[in-house]
Each structure stands twice: as C-alpha cells, then as structure tokens.
Amino acid sequence: MQYIFLVLAIVFEVIGTTAMAASHQFTKLVPVVILVVSYGLAFYFLSITLKTLPVGIAYAVWSGLGIVFISLVGYVAMGQKLDFAAAIGMSMIVGGVIVIQLFSKTAGH
C-alpha cells in the first residue's frame, strides 16, 4: 500500500507542476486551483507514505520519478525537448532509484 500512496503523491505532484506551467505566473485561475489542490493531495499522500517508509527513501523515489514523469509530460504535452546530457542524467537518477529499491534494506520491502 505504501507504494500506491507514493505513486499517487508523485502523480498529483506532476499534475500540480503541469498546472503551474499552465498558470502563466499565477494569472490564470483554473490552473492555479488545480495546482493548489494537486499539491495538497500530493503532500497528503506523501505524508501517509512517510508513516511506513523512511523519509530519505520516499523522497528519493518521489523526486526521481517526478523528474522523469514531468519531463515526459513536458515532451508530450508542451513540446519541450531534452538533450542527450539531460537524458543521461535522468537515466542515472532512475538507476539510483532502482538500486535503492533492489538493494537497500531501508527501502521498506
């Protein structure tokens, strides 16, 4: 269950970040409302996750997967491109999350 809550936290954080970009510096009401609600839900689900998962592990997964997902949203929905160095860097982040999940005893399996 802890990873379901963590994935929900990540999804809502990505929605909130996407809405932030669409808000045009908080000048459009609907994206601002989506942003506030999404971030509220993201932190709520993250707080549930932190009951059973160490904060460092949860935050590593949250930030690592969040970076990848928001980059994919930026690419697909906003036409933002990543260069080779950015793709390599994100691959290393994902690799770090995988190492934590497979080999760390603190990952809470």
Protein backbone atom coordinates (compact mmCIF):
# COMPACT_ATOMS: atom_id res chain seq x y z
CA MET A 1 0.00 0.00 0.00
CA GLN A 2 2.83 2.41 0.81
CA TYR A 3 3.98 2.47 -2.80
CA ILE A 4 0.46 3.09 -4.07
CA PHE A 5 0.29 6.19 -1.87
CA LEU A 6 3.75 7.24 -3.05
CA VAL A 7 2.75 6.85 -6.71
CA LEU A 8 -0.39 8.90 -6.03
CA ALA A 9 1.78 11.58 -4.41
CA ILE A 10 4.03 11.64 -7.47
CA VAL A 11 1.10 11.77 -9.91
CA PHE A 12 -0.51 14.68 -8.07
CA GLU A 13 2.83 16.49 -7.87
CA VAL A 14 3.26 16.12 -11.64
CA ILE A 15 -0.30 17.39 -12.21
CA GLY A 16 0.42 20.35 -9.92
CA THR A 17 3.67 21.18 -11.68
CA THR A 18 1.98 20.95 -15.08
CA ALA A 19 -0.76 23.28 -13.83
CA MET A 20 1.92 25.65 -12.55
CA ALA A 21 3.35 25.95 -16.05
CA ALA A 22 -0.16 26.50 -17.44
CA SER A 23 -0.96 29.18 -14.84
CA HIS A 24 1.36 31.71 -16.53
CA GLN A 25 2.81 33.03 -13.25
CA PHE A 26 -0.47 32.55 -11.36
CA THR A 27 -2.50 34.73 -13.74
CA LYS A 28 -5.00 32.02 -14.83
CA LEU A 29 -7.44 30.92 -12.15
CA VAL A 30 -8.28 27.35 -13.21
CA PRO A 31 -4.66 26.16 -13.42
CA VAL A 32 -3.92 27.85 -10.07
CA VAL A 33 -6.82 25.98 -8.42
CA ILE A 34 -5.64 22.69 -9.97
CA LEU A 35 -2.11 23.46 -8.76
CA VAL A 36 -3.17 24.11 -5.16
CA VAL A 37 -5.46 21.07 -4.96
CA SER A 38 -2.91 18.79 -6.64
CA TYR A 39 -0.06 19.86 -4.37
CA GLY A 40 -2.30 19.47 -1.33
CA LEU A 41 -3.15 15.90 -2.37
CA ALA A 42 0.48 15.18 -3.25
CA PHE A 43 1.70 16.17 0.20
CA TYR A 44 -1.20 14.36 1.86
CA PHE A 45 -0.31 11.09 0.12
CA LEU A 46 3.39 11.65 0.78
CA SER A 47 2.63 12.08 4.49
CA ILE A 48 0.78 8.76 4.51
CA THR A 49 3.77 7.14 2.82
CA LEU A 50 6.11 8.52 5.49
CA LYS A 51 4.31 6.51 8.17
CA THR A 52 5.97 3.35 6.87
CA LEU A 53 8.79 4.39 4.55
CA PRO A 54 11.92 6.29 5.62
CA VAL A 55 11.82 9.92 4.52
CA GLY A 56 15.07 9.67 2.54
CA ILE A 57 13.87 6.67 0.55
CA ALA A 58 10.43 8.16 -0.07
CA TYR A 59 11.93 11.46 -1.17
CA ALA A 60 14.45 9.76 -3.46
CA VAL A 61 11.68 7.88 -5.24
CA TRP A 62 9.37 10.94 -5.23
CA SER A 63 11.95 13.27 -6.73
CA GLY A 64 13.50 10.75 -9.13
CA LEU A 65 10.27 9.55 -10.66
CA GLY A 66 8.77 13.03 -10.50
CA ILE A 67 11.62 14.37 -12.63
CA VAL A 68 11.13 11.65 -15.22
CA PHE A 69 7.33 11.97 -15.34
CA ILE A 70 7.29 15.76 -15.56
CA SER A 71 9.93 15.59 -18.30
CA LEU A 72 7.71 13.18 -20.23
CA VAL A 73 4.70 15.47 -19.78
CA GLY A 74 6.82 18.42 -20.93
CA TYR A 75 7.91 16.48 -24.01
CA VAL A 76 4.48 15.10 -24.95
CA ALA A 77 2.16 17.94 -23.94
CA MET A 78 4.38 21.02 -24.25
CA GLY A 79 6.83 20.07 -26.98
CA GLN A 80 9.84 20.52 -24.71
CA LYS A 81 12.89 18.61 -25.86
CA LEU A 82 15.69 17.11 -23.78
CA ASP A 83 19.26 16.94 -24.96
CA PHE A 84 21.47 13.88 -24.64
CA ALA A 85 23.07 15.04 -21.38
CA ALA A 86 19.64 15.54 -19.77
CA ALA A 87 18.53 12.07 -20.87
CA ILE A 88 21.72 10.52 -19.45
CA GLY A 89 21.31 12.42 -16.18
CA MET A 90 17.71 11.28 -15.79
CA SER A 91 18.73 7.72 -16.60
CA MET A 92 21.24 7.92 -13.76
CA ILE A 93 18.53 9.18 -11.39
CA VAL A 94 16.23 6.31 -12.37
CA GLY A 95 19.16 3.93 -11.95
CA GLY A 96 19.69 5.25 -8.43
CA VAL A 97 16.03 4.69 -7.56
CA ILE A 98 16.25 1.14 -8.94
CA VAL A 99 19.39 0.43 -6.89
CA ILE A 100 17.64 1.69 -3.75
CA GLN A 101 14.58 -0.45 -4.42
CA LEU A 102 16.51 -3.61 -5.25
CA PHE A 103 19.39 -3.49 -2.80
CA SER A 104 18.65 -1.16 0.10
CA LYS A 105 17.39 -2.72 3.30
CA THR A 106 15.87 0.66 4.27
CA ALA A 107 13.52 0.67 1.28
CA GLY A 108 10.81 -0.99 3.36
CA HIS A 109 10.02 -4.04 1.24
